[in-house]
PDB file of N, CA and C in Angstrom:
ATOM      1  N   UNK A   1     156.254-105.939  80.682  1.00  0.00           N
ATOM      2  CA  UNK A   1     156.825-106.129  81.994  1.00  0.00           C
ATOM      3  C   UNK A   1     157.059-104.780  82.700  1.00  0.00           C
ATOM      4  N   UNK A   2     157.488-103.786  81.924  1.00  0.00           N
ATOM      5  CA  UNK A   2     157.685-102.400  82.464  1.00  0.00           C
ATOM      6  C   UNK A   2     156.400-101.860  83.092  1.00  0.00           C
ATOM      7  N   UNK A   3     155.359-102.007  82.306  1.00  0.00           N
ATOM      8  CA  UNK A   3     153.954-101.595  82.778  1.00  0.00           C
ATOM      9  C   UNK A   3     153.617-102.183  84.121  1.00  0.00           C
ATOM     10  N   UNK A   4     153.878-103.492  84.257  1.00  0.00           N
ATOM     11  CA  UNK A   4     153.438-104.142  85.429  1.00  0.00           C
ATOM     12  C   UNK A   4     154.325-103.692  86.607  1.00  0.00           C
ATOM     13  N   UNK A   5     155.547-103.431  86.470  1.00  0.00           N
ATOM     14  CA  UNK A   5     156.497-102.919  87.518  1.00  0.00           C
ATOM     15  C   UNK A   5     156.019-101.561  87.923  1.00  0.00           C
ATOM     16  N   UNK A   6     155.637-100.736  86.997  1.00  0.00           N
ATOM     17  CA  UNK A   6     155.174 -99.355  87.327  1.00  0.00           C
ATOM     18  C   UNK A   6     153.824 -99.484  88.199  1.00  0.00           C
ATOM     19  N   UNK A   7     152.915-100.405  87.792  1.00  0.00           N
ATOM     20  CA  UNK A   7     151.661-100.518  88.522  1.00  0.00           C
ATOM     21  C   UNK A   7     151.990-101.113  89.982  1.00  0.00           C
ATOM     22  N   UNK A   8     152.888-101.962  90.029  1.00  0.00           N
ATOM     23  CA  UNK A   8     153.318-102.465  91.339  1.00  0.00           C
ATOM     24  C   UNK A   8     153.771-101.451  92.166  1.00  0.00           C
ATOM     25  N   UNK A   9     154.728-100.597  91.661  1.00  0.00           N
ATOM     26  CA  UNK A   9     155.268 -99.437  92.511  1.00  0.00           C
ATOM     27  C   UNK A   9     154.252 -98.485  92.912  1.00  0.00           C
ATOM     28  N   UNK A  10     153.246 -98.193  92.001  1.00  0.00           N
ATOM     29  CA  UNK A  10     152.199 -97.291  92.292  1.00  0.00           C
ATOM     30  C   UNK A  10     151.280 -97.785  93.518  1.00  0.00           C
ATOM     31  N   UNK A  11     151.000 -99.093  93.428  1.00  0.00           N
ATOM     32  CA  UNK A  11     150.252 -99.683  94.392  1.00  0.00           C
ATOM     33  C   UNK A  11     150.905 -99.782  95.691  1.00  0.00           C
ATOM     34  N   UNK A  12     152.273-100.026  95.711  1.00  0.00           N
ATOM     35  CA  UNK A  12     153.080-100.020  96.897  1.00  0.00           C
ATOM     36  C   UNK A  12     152.995 -98.507  97.577  1.00  0.00           C
ATOM     37  N   UNK A  13     153.226 -97.587  96.676  1.00  0.00           N
ATOM     38  CA  UNK A  13     153.129 -96.188  97.249  1.00  0.00           C
ATOM     39  C   UNK A  13     151.753 -95.956  97.891  1.00  0.00           C
ATOM     40  N   UNK A  14     150.772 -96.365  97.203  1.00  0.00           N
ATOM     41  CA  UNK A  14     149.390 -96.134  97.731  1.00  0.00           C
ATOM     42  C   UNK A  14     149.158 -96.873  99.107  1.00  0.00           C
ATOM     43  N   UNK A  15     149.639 -98.153  99.149  1.00  0.00           N
ATOM     44  CA  UNK A  15     149.610 -98.930 100.362  1.00  0.00           C
ATOM     45  C   UNK A  15     150.387 -98.131 101.565  1.00  0.00           C
ATOM     46  N   UNK A  16     151.478 -97.678 101.258  1.00  0.00           N
ATOM     47  CA  UNK A  16     152.245 -96.958 102.246  1.00  0.00           C
ATOM     48  C   UNK A  16     151.550 -95.656 102.822  1.00  0.00           C
ATOM     49  N   UNK A  17     150.830 -94.946 101.850  1.00  0.00           N
ATOM     50  CA  UNK A  17     150.088 -93.846 102.223  1.00  0.00           C
ATOM     51  C   UNK A  17     148.883 -94.204 103.168  1.00  0.00           C
ATOM     52  N   UNK A  18     148.178 -95.299 102.782  1.00  0.00           N
ATOM     53  CA  UNK A  18     147.042 -95.765 103.658  1.00  0.00           C
ATOM     54  C   UNK A  18     147.598 -96.091 104.984  1.00  0.00           C
ATOM     55  N   UNK A  19     148.782 -96.858 105.072  1.00  0.00           N
ATOM     56  CA  UNK A  19     149.266 -97.154 106.401  1.00  0.00           C
ATOM     57  C   UNK A  19     149.568 -95.941 107.181  1.00  0.00           C
ATOM     58  N   UNK A  20     150.094 -94.947 106.577  1.00  0.00           N
ATOM     59  CA  UNK A  20     150.418 -93.735 107.249  1.00  0.00           C
ATOM     60  C   UNK A  20     149.128 -92.984 107.686  1.00  0.00           C
ATOM     61  N   UNK A  21     148.022 -92.967 106.918  1.00  0.00           N
ATOM     62  CA  UNK A  21     146.807 -92.452 107.199  1.00  0.00           C
ATOM     63  C   UNK A  21     146.081 -93.122 108.335  1.00  0.00           C
ATOM     64  N   UNK A  22     146.271 -94.533 108.446  1.00  0.00           N
ATOM     65  CA  UNK A  22     145.671 -95.321 109.415  1.00  0.00           C
ATOM     66  C   UNK A  22     146.118 -95.016 110.754  1.00  0.00           C
ATOM     67  N   UNK A  23     147.302 -94.404 110.934  1.00  0.00           N
ATOM     68  CA  UNK A  23     147.888 -94.126 112.250  1.00  0.00           C
ATOM     69  C   UNK A  23     146.983 -92.961 112.844  1.00  0.00           C
ATOM     70  N   UNK A  24     146.474 -92.137 112.012  1.00  0.00           N
ATOM     71  CA  UNK A  24     145.502 -91.112 112.472  1.00  0.00           C
ATOM     72  C   UNK A  24     144.130 -91.413 112.640  1.00  0.00           C
ATOM     73  N   UNK A  25     143.736 -92.567 112.164  1.00  0.00           N
ATOM     74  CA  UNK A  25     142.311 -93.039 112.249  1.00  0.00           C
ATOM     75  C   UNK A  25     142.027 -93.536 113.734  1.00  0.00           C
ATOM     76  N   UNK A  26     140.921 -93.433 114.307  1.00  0.00           N
ATOM     77  CA  UNK A  26     140.616 -93.896 115.674  1.00  0.00           C
ATOM     78  C   UNK A  26     139.375 -94.683 115.535  1.00  0.00           C
ATOM     79  N   UNK A  27     139.431 -95.823 116.419  1.00  0.00           N
ATOM     80  CA  UNK A  27     138.253 -96.565 116.473  1.00  0.00           C
ATOM     81  C   UNK A  27     138.060 -96.910 118.038  1.00  0.00           C
ATOM     82  N   UNK A  28     136.825 -97.199 118.383  1.00  0.00           N
ATOM     83  CA  UNK A  28     136.636 -97.545 119.860  1.00  0.00           C
ATOM     84  C   UNK A  28     135.966 -98.941 119.991  1.00  0.00           C
ATOM     85  N   UNK A  29     136.393 -99.428 121.188  1.00  0.00           N
ATOM     86  CA  UNK A  29     135.541-100.660 121.645  1.00  0.00           C
ATOM     87  C   UNK A  29     135.242-100.424 123.098  1.00  0.00           C
ATOM     88  N   UNK A  30     134.042-100.897 123.432  1.00  0.00           N
ATOM     89  CA  UNK A  30     133.601-100.655 124.840  1.00  0.00           C
ATOM     90  C   UNK A  30     133.076-101.870 125.220  1.00  0.00           C
ATOM     91  N   UNK A  31     132.898-101.917 126.596  1.00  0.00           N
ATOM     92  CA  UNK A  31     132.278-103.089 127.374  1.00  0.00           C
ATOM     93  C   UNK A  31     131.582-102.567 128.525  1.00  0.00           C
ATOM     94  N   UNK A  32     130.721-103.300 129.127  1.00  0.00           N
ATOM     95  CA  UNK A  32     129.921-102.998 130.277  1.00  0.00           C
ATOM     96  C   UNK A  32     129.054-101.822 130.137  1.00  0.00           C
ATOM     97  N   UNK A  33     128.472-101.744 128.922  1.00  0.00           N
ATOM     98  CA  UNK A  33     127.487-100.485 128.623  1.00  0.00           C
ATOM     99  C   UNK A  33     128.337 -99.217 128.584  1.00  0.00           C
ATOM    100  N   UNK A  34     129.523 -99.315 128.168  1.00  0.00           N
ATOM    101  CA  UNK A  34     130.377 -98.057 128.127  1.00  0.00           C
ATOM    102  C   UNK A  34     131.162 -97.729 129.376  1.00  0.00           C
ATOM    103  N   UNK A  35     131.067 -98.715 130.359  1.00  0.00           N
ATOM    104  CA  UNK A  35     131.835 -98.481 131.556  1.00  0.00           C
ATOM    105  C   UNK A  35     133.397 -98.495 131.333  1.00  0.00           C
ATOM    106  N   UNK A  36     133.738 -99.214 130.237  1.00  0.00           N
ATOM    107  CA  UNK A  36     135.105 -99.215 129.870  1.00  0.00           C
ATOM    108  C   UNK A  36     135.227 -98.984 128.320  1.00  0.00           C
ATOM    109  N   UNK A  37     135.955 -98.060 127.901  1.00  0.00           N
ATOM    110  CA  UNK A  37     136.180 -97.609 126.524  1.00  0.00           C
ATOM    111  C   UNK A  37     137.706 -97.649 126.136  1.00  0.00           C
ATOM    112  N   UNK A  38     137.908 -98.379 125.066  1.00  0.00           N
ATOM    113  CA  UNK A  38     139.382 -98.397 124.564  1.00  0.00           C
ATOM    114  C   UNK A  38     139.362 -97.782 123.309  1.00  0.00           C
ATOM    115  N   UNK A  39     140.264 -96.954 122.971  1.00  0.00           N
ATOM    116  CA  UNK A  39     140.542 -96.247 121.616  1.00  0.00           C
ATOM    117  C   UNK A  39     141.764 -96.854 121.054  1.00  0.00           C
ATOM    118  N   UNK A  40     141.753 -97.274 119.789  1.00  0.00           N
ATOM    119  CA  UNK A  40     142.916 -97.751 119.097  1.00  0.00           C
ATOM    120  C   UNK A  40     143.017 -96.972 117.693  1.00  0.00           C
ATOM    121  N   UNK A  41     144.173 -96.952 117.159  1.00  0.00           N
ATOM    122  CA  UNK A  41     144.237 -96.329 115.933  1.00  0.00           C
ATOM    123  C   UNK A  41     144.176 -97.420 114.816  1.00  0.00           C
ATOM    124  N   UNK A  42     144.113 -97.104 113.638  1.00  0.00           N
ATOM    125  CA  UNK A  42     144.107 -97.946 112.459  1.00  0.00           C
ATOM    126  C   UNK A  42     145.108 -98.881 112.224  1.00  0.00           C
ATOM    127  N   UNK A  43     146.278 -98.587 112.918  1.00  0.00           N
ATOM    128  CA  UNK A  43     147.492 -99.642 112.934  1.00  0.00           C
ATOM    129  C   UNK A  43     147.352-100.627 113.955  1.00  0.00           C
ATOM    130  N   UNK A  44     146.350-100.625 114.757  1.00  0.00           N
ATOM    131  CA  UNK A  44     146.214-101.501 115.879  1.00  0.00           C
ATOM    132  C   UNK A  44     146.925-101.202 117.166  1.00  0.00           C
ATOM    133  N   UNK A  45     147.180 -99.956 117.316  1.00  0.00           N
ATOM    134  CA  UNK A  45     147.819 -99.636 118.623  1.00  0.00           C
ATOM    135  C   UNK A  45     146.754 -99.038 119.419  1.00  0.00           C
ATOM    136  N   UNK A  46     146.698 -99.420 120.699  1.00  0.00           N
ATOM    137  CA  UNK A  46     145.808 -98.939 121.711  1.00  0.00           C
ATOM    138  C   UNK A  46     146.270 -97.556 122.111  1.00  0.00           C
ATOM    139  N   UNK A  47     145.585 -96.546 122.050  1.00  0.00           N
ATOM    140  CA  UNK A  47     146.066 -95.139 122.309  1.00  0.00           C
ATOM    141  C   UNK A  47     145.336 -94.567 123.600  1.00  0.00           C
ATOM    142  N   UNK A  48     144.290 -95.147 123.959  1.00  0.00           N
ATOM    143  CA  UNK A  48     143.532 -94.549 125.191  1.00  0.00           C
ATOM    144  C   UNK A  48     142.732 -95.652 125.784  1.00  0.00           C
ATOM    145  N   UNK A  49     142.559 -95.513 127.128  1.00  0.00           N
ATOM    146  CA  UNK A  49     141.631 -96.432 127.837  1.00  0.00           C
ATOM    147  C   UNK A  49     140.854 -95.546 128.870  1.00  0.00           C
ATOM    148  N   UNK A  50     139.589 -95.626 128.732  1.00  0.00           N
ATOM    149  CA  UNK A  50     138.768 -94.784 129.854  1.00  0.00           C
ATOM    150  C   UNK A  50     137.922 -95.801 130.637  1.00  0.00           C
ATOM    151  N   UNK A  51     138.045 -95.637 132.001  1.00  0.00           N
ATOM    152  CA  UNK A  51     137.287 -96.437 132.829  1.00  0.00           C
ATOM    153  C   UNK A  51     136.402 -95.505 133.750  1.00  0.00           C
ATOM    154  N   UNK A  52     135.119 -95.833 133.681  1.00  0.00           N
ATOM    155  CA  UNK A  52     134.163 -95.074 134.443  1.00  0.00           C
ATOM    156  C   UNK A  52     134.343 -95.365 135.903  1.00  0.00           C
ATOM    157  N   UNK A  53     134.552 -94.295 136.769  1.00  0.00           N
ATOM    158  CA  UNK A  53     134.827 -94.541 138.167  1.00  0.00           C
ATOM    159  C   UNK A  53     133.765 -95.433 138.899  1.00  0.00           C
ATOM    160  N   UNK A  54     132.572 -95.517 138.406  1.00  0.00           N
ATOM    161  CA  UNK A  54     131.517 -96.386 139.055  1.00  0.00           C
ATOM    162  C   UNK A  54     131.967 -97.816 139.129  1.00  0.00           C
ATOM    163  N   UNK A  55     132.797 -98.256 138.081  1.00  0.00           N
ATOM    164  CA  UNK A  55     133.303 -99.686 138.024  1.00  0.00           C
ATOM    165  C   UNK A  55     133.997 -99.979 139.184  1.00  0.00           C
ATOM    166  N   UNK A  56     134.761 -99.063 139.718  1.00  0.00           N
ATOM    167  CA  UNK A  56     135.728 -99.251 140.901  1.00  0.00           C
ATOM    168  C   UNK A  56     135.078 -99.371 142.268  1.00  0.00           C
ATOM    169  N   UNK A  57     133.720 -98.873 142.247  1.00  0.00           N
ATOM    170  CA  UNK A  57     133.077 -98.934 143.658  1.00  0.00           C
ATOM    171  C   UNK A  57     132.816-100.341 144.334  1.00  0.00           C
ATOM    172  N   UNK A  58     132.761-101.357 143.409  1.00  0.00           N
ATOM    173  CA  UNK A  58     132.485-102.610 143.983  1.00  0.00           C
ATOM    174  C   UNK A  58     133.910-103.399 144.282  1.00  0.00           C
ATOM    175  N   UNK A  59     135.050-102.760 143.911  1.00  0.00           N
ATOM    176  CA  UNK A  59     136.277-103.414 144.218  1.00  0.00           C
ATOM    177  C   UNK A  59     136.362-104.867 143.585  1.00  0.00           C
ATOM    178  N   UNK A  60     135.782-105.055 142.393  1.00  0.00           N
ATOM    179  CA  UNK A  60     135.700-106.333 141.775  1.00  0.00           C
ATOM    180  C   UNK A  60     136.802-106.240 140.612  1.00  0.00           C
ATOM    181  N   UNK A  61     137.957-106.618 141.038  1.00  0.00           N
ATOM    182  CA  UNK A  61     139.069-106.567 140.066  1.00  0.00           C
ATOM    183  C   UNK A  61     138.986-107.465 138.942  1.00  0.00           C
ATOM    184  N   UNK A  62     138.359-108.688 139.101  1.00  0.00           N
ATOM    185  CA  UNK A  62     138.139-109.628 137.947  1.00  0.00           C
ATOM    186  C   UNK A  62     137.103-109.074 137.009  1.00  0.00           C
ATOM    187  N   UNK A  63     135.993-108.405 137.430  1.00  0.00           N
ATOM    188  CA  UNK A  63     135.073-107.856 136.512  1.00  0.00           C
ATOM    189  C   UNK A  63     135.779-106.720 135.671  1.00  0.00           C
ATOM    190  N   UNK A  64     136.595-105.873 136.380  1.00  0.00           N
ATOM    191  CA  UNK A  64     137.236-104.829 135.681  1.00  0.00           C
ATOM    192  C   UNK A  64     138.260-105.425 134.582  1.00  0.00           C
ATOM    193  N   UNK A  65     138.863-106.393 134.992  1.00  0.00           N
ATOM    194  CA  UNK A  65     139.835-107.022 134.003  1.00  0.00           C
ATOM    195  C   UNK A  65     139.050-107.541 132.856  1.00  0.00           C
ATOM    196  N   UNK A  66     138.058-108.120 133.007  1.00  0.00           N
ATOM    197  CA  UNK A  66     137.132-108.626 132.011  1.00  0.00           C
ATOM    198  C   UNK A  66     136.655-107.640 131.065  1.00  0.00           C
ATOM    199  N   UNK A  67     136.188-106.540 131.678  1.00  0.00           N
ATOM    200  CA  UNK A  67     135.685-105.452 130.980  1.00  0.00           C
ATOM    201  C   UNK A  67     136.876-104.860 130.025  1.00  0.00           C
ATOM    202  N   UNK A  68     137.996-104.576 130.609  1.00  0.00           N
ATOM    203  CA  UNK A  68     139.137-104.042 129.915  1.00  0.00           C
ATOM    204  C   UNK A  68     139.577-104.991 128.682  1.00  0.00           C
ATOM    205  N   UNK A  69     139.570-106.311 129.053  1.00  0.00           N
ATOM    206  CA  UNK A  69     139.899-107.291 127.946  1.00  0.00           C
ATOM    207  C   UNK A  69     138.858-107.260 126.764  1.00  0.00           C
ATOM    208  N   UNK A  70     137.594-107.223 127.163  1.00  0.00           N
ATOM    209  CA  UNK A  70     136.725-107.229 126.215  1.00  0.00           C
ATOM    210  C   UNK A  70     136.637-105.897 125.308  1.00  0.00           C
ATOM    211  N   UNK A  71     136.864-104.770 125.988  1.00  0.00           N
ATOM    212  CA  UNK A  71     136.939-103.444 125.218  1.00  0.00           C
ATOM    213  C   UNK A  71     138.170-103.443 124.283  1.00  0.00           C
ATOM    214  N   UNK A  72     139.238-103.948 124.814  1.00  0.00           N
ATOM    215  CA  UNK A  72     140.517-104.018 123.984  1.00  0.00           C
ATOM    216  C   UNK A  72     140.288-104.787 122.799  1.00  0.00           C
ATOM    217  N   UNK A  73     139.815-106.015 122.895  1.00  0.00           N
ATOM    218  CA  UNK A  73     139.510-106.981 121.781  1.00  0.00           C
ATOM    219  C   UNK A  73     138.659-106.394 120.785  1.00  0.00           C
ATOM    220  N   UNK A  74     137.568-105.652 121.290  1.00  0.00           N
ATOM    221  CA  UNK A  74     136.635-105.048 120.244  1.00  0.00           C
ATOM    222  C   UNK A  74     137.294-103.890 119.508  1.00  0.00           C
ATOM    223  N   UNK A  75     138.127-103.162 120.185  1.00  0.00           N
ATOM    224  CA  UNK A  75     138.857-102.043 119.560  1.00  0.00           C
ATOM    225  C   UNK A  75     139.902-102.502 118.541  1.00  0.00           C
ATOM    226  N   UNK A  76     140.546-103.639 118.915  1.00  0.00           N
ATOM    227  CA  UNK A  76     141.485-104.209 117.986  1.00  0.00           C
ATOM    228  C   UNK A  76     140.778-104.782 116.690  1.00  0.00           C
ATOM    229  N   UNK A  77     139.653-105.579 116.962  1.00  0.00           N
ATOM    230  CA  UNK A  77     138.880-106.131 115.787  1.00  0.00           C
ATOM    231  C   UNK A  77     138.473-104.914 114.918  1.00  0.00           C
ATOM    232  N   UNK A  78     138.020-103.871 115.478  1.00  0.00           N
ATOM    233  CA  UNK A  78     137.548-102.789 114.607  1.00  0.00           C
ATOM    234  C   UNK A  78     138.738-102.075 113.899  1.00  0.00           C
ATOM    235  N   UNK A  79     139.862-102.000 114.500  1.00  0.00           N
ATOM    236  CA  UNK A  79     141.005-101.460 113.840  1.00  0.00           C
ATOM    237  C   UNK A  79     141.448-102.459 112.701  1.00  0.00           C
ATOM    238  N   UNK A  80     141.430-103.725 112.830  1.00  0.00           N
ATOM    239  CA  UNK A  80     141.651-104.658 111.774  1.00  0.00           C
ATOM    240  C   UNK A  80     140.719-104.542 110.624  1.00  0.00           C
ATOM    241  N   UNK A  81     139.441-104.403 110.964  1.00  0.00           N
ATOM    242  CA  UNK A  81     138.443-104.183 109.911  1.00  0.00           C
ATOM    243  C   UNK A  81     138.714-102.976 109.143  1.00  0.00           C
ATOM    244  N   UNK A  82     138.997-101.835 109.873  1.00  0.00           N
ATOM    245  CA  UNK A  82     139.180-100.628 109.177  1.00  0.00           C
ATOM    246  C   UNK A  82     140.331-100.683 108.258  1.00  0.00           C
ATOM    247  N   UNK A  83     141.406-101.242 108.762  1.00  0.00           N
ATOM    248  CA  UNK A  83     142.613-101.481 107.875  1.00  0.00           C
ATOM    249  C   UNK A  83     142.448-102.295 106.644  1.00  0.00           C
ATOM    250  N   UNK A  84     141.630-103.458 106.853  1.00  0.00           N
ATOM    251  CA  UNK A  84     141.316-104.343 105.787  1.00  0.00           C
ATOM    252  C   UNK A  84     140.473-103.597 104.722  1.00  0.00           C
ATOM    253  N   UNK A  85     139.539-102.728 105.174  1.00  0.00           N
ATOM    254  CA  UNK A  85     138.665-101.997 104.194  1.00  0.00           C
ATOM    255  C   UNK A  85     139.481-101.024 103.418  1.00  0.00           C
ATOM    256  N   UNK A  86     140.428-100.295 104.130  1.00  0.00           N
ATOM    257  CA  UNK A  86     141.179 -99.321 103.384  1.00  0.00           C
ATOM    258  C   UNK A  86     142.136 -99.981 102.416  1.00  0.00           C
ATOM    259  N   UNK A  87     142.786-101.019 102.804  1.00  0.00           N
ATOM    260  CA  UNK A  87     143.759-101.687 101.896  1.00  0.00           C
ATOM    261  C   UNK A  87     143.006-102.364 100.804  1.00  0.00           C
ATOM    262  N   UNK A  88     141.778-102.891 101.111  1.00  0.00           N
ATOM    263  CA  UNK A  88     141.107-103.578 100.083  1.00  0.00           C
ATOM    264  C   UNK A  88     140.698-102.650  98.788  1.00  0.00           C
ATOM    265  N   UNK A  89     140.546-101.387  99.157  1.00  0.00           N
ATOM    266  CA  UNK A  89     140.238-100.473  98.164  1.00  0.00           C
ATOM    267  C   UNK A  89     141.424-100.297  97.180  1.00  0.00           C
ATOM    268  N   UNK A  90     142.577-100.587  97.679  1.00  0.00           N
ATOM    269  CA  UNK A  90     143.830-100.428  96.785  1.00  0.00           C
ATOM    270  C   UNK A  90     144.140-101.805  96.101  1.00  0.00           C
ATOM    271  N   UNK A  91     144.078-102.832  96.846  1.00  0.00           N
ATOM    272  CA  UNK A  91     144.463-104.195  96.405  1.00  0.00           C
ATOM    273  C   UNK A  91     143.359-104.809  95.623  1.00  0.00           C
ATOM    274  N   UNK A  92     142.158-104.399  95.669  1.00  0.00           N
ATOM    275  CA  UNK A  92     141.078-105.111  95.011  1.00  0.00           C
ATOM    276  C   UNK A  92     140.910-106.434  95.545  1.00  0.00           C
ATOM    277  N   UNK A  93     141.028-106.653  96.787  1.00  0.00           N
ATOM    278  CA  UNK A  93     140.910-108.050  97.320  1.00  0.00           C
ATOM    279  C   UNK A  93     142.095-108.969  97.206  1.00  0.00           C
ATOM    280  N   UNK A  94     143.233-108.538  96.613  1.00  0.00           N
ATOM    281  CA  UNK A  94     144.360-109.283  96.435  1.00  0.00           C
ATOM    282  C   UNK A  94     144.975-109.749  97.754  1.00  0.00           C
ATOM    283  N   UNK A  95     144.777-108.772  98.789  1.00  0.00           N
ATOM    284  CA  UNK A  95     145.337-109.099 100.137  1.00  0.00           C
ATOM    285  C   UNK A  95     144.676-110.272 100.737  1.00  0.00           C
ATOM    286  N   UNK A  96     143.439-110.574 100.419  1.00  0.00           N
ATOM    287  CA  UNK A  96     142.738-111.680 101.149  1.00  0.00           C
ATOM    288  C   UNK A  96     143.308-112.978 100.504  1.00  0.00           C
ATOM    289  N   UNK A  97     144.072-112.955  99.412  1.00  0.00           N
ATOM    290  CA  UNK A  97     144.581-114.081  98.820  1.00  0.00           C
ATOM    291  C   UNK A  97     145.956-114.253  99.262  1.00  0.00           C
ATOM    292  N   UNK A  98     146.540-113.406 100.141  1.00  0.00           N
ATOM    293  CA  UNK A  98     147.834-113.510 100.696  1.00  0.00           C
ATOM    294  C   UNK A  98     148.813-112.922  99.864  1.00  0.00           C
ATOM    295  N   UNK A  99     148.415-112.087  98.884  1.00  0.00           N
ATOM    296  CA  UNK A  99     149.474-111.474  97.961  1.00  0.00           C
ATOM    297  C   UNK A  99     149.959-110.285  98.586  1.00  0.00           C
ATOM    298  N   UNK A 100     149.282-109.606  99.534  1.00  0.00           N
ATOM    299  CA  UNK A 100     149.811-108.359 100.087  1.00  0.00           C
ATOM    300  C   UNK A 100     149.557-108.374 101.577  1.00  0.00           C
TER     301      UNK A 100
END
């Protein structure tokens, strides 16, 4: 039982380290052929949005909103994938079974 507890504590420490490291990792999502680009970190926080000024020339607010939404969703999806990949290396897939 002591060995299992030590392994669990080690895994918990490794997971905390990965979470910390993910804050410094960056992923991007883009839409409209790169007209809107959103950067998120590995913890799922949006950290930057870049909008090409060309998008604003048509004054099409709805199109810009759609592009921003699509880019944000792509960046967040990539962030989740990155986090799952990094955590999966530690948990050995146990997280997909709801254990972590």
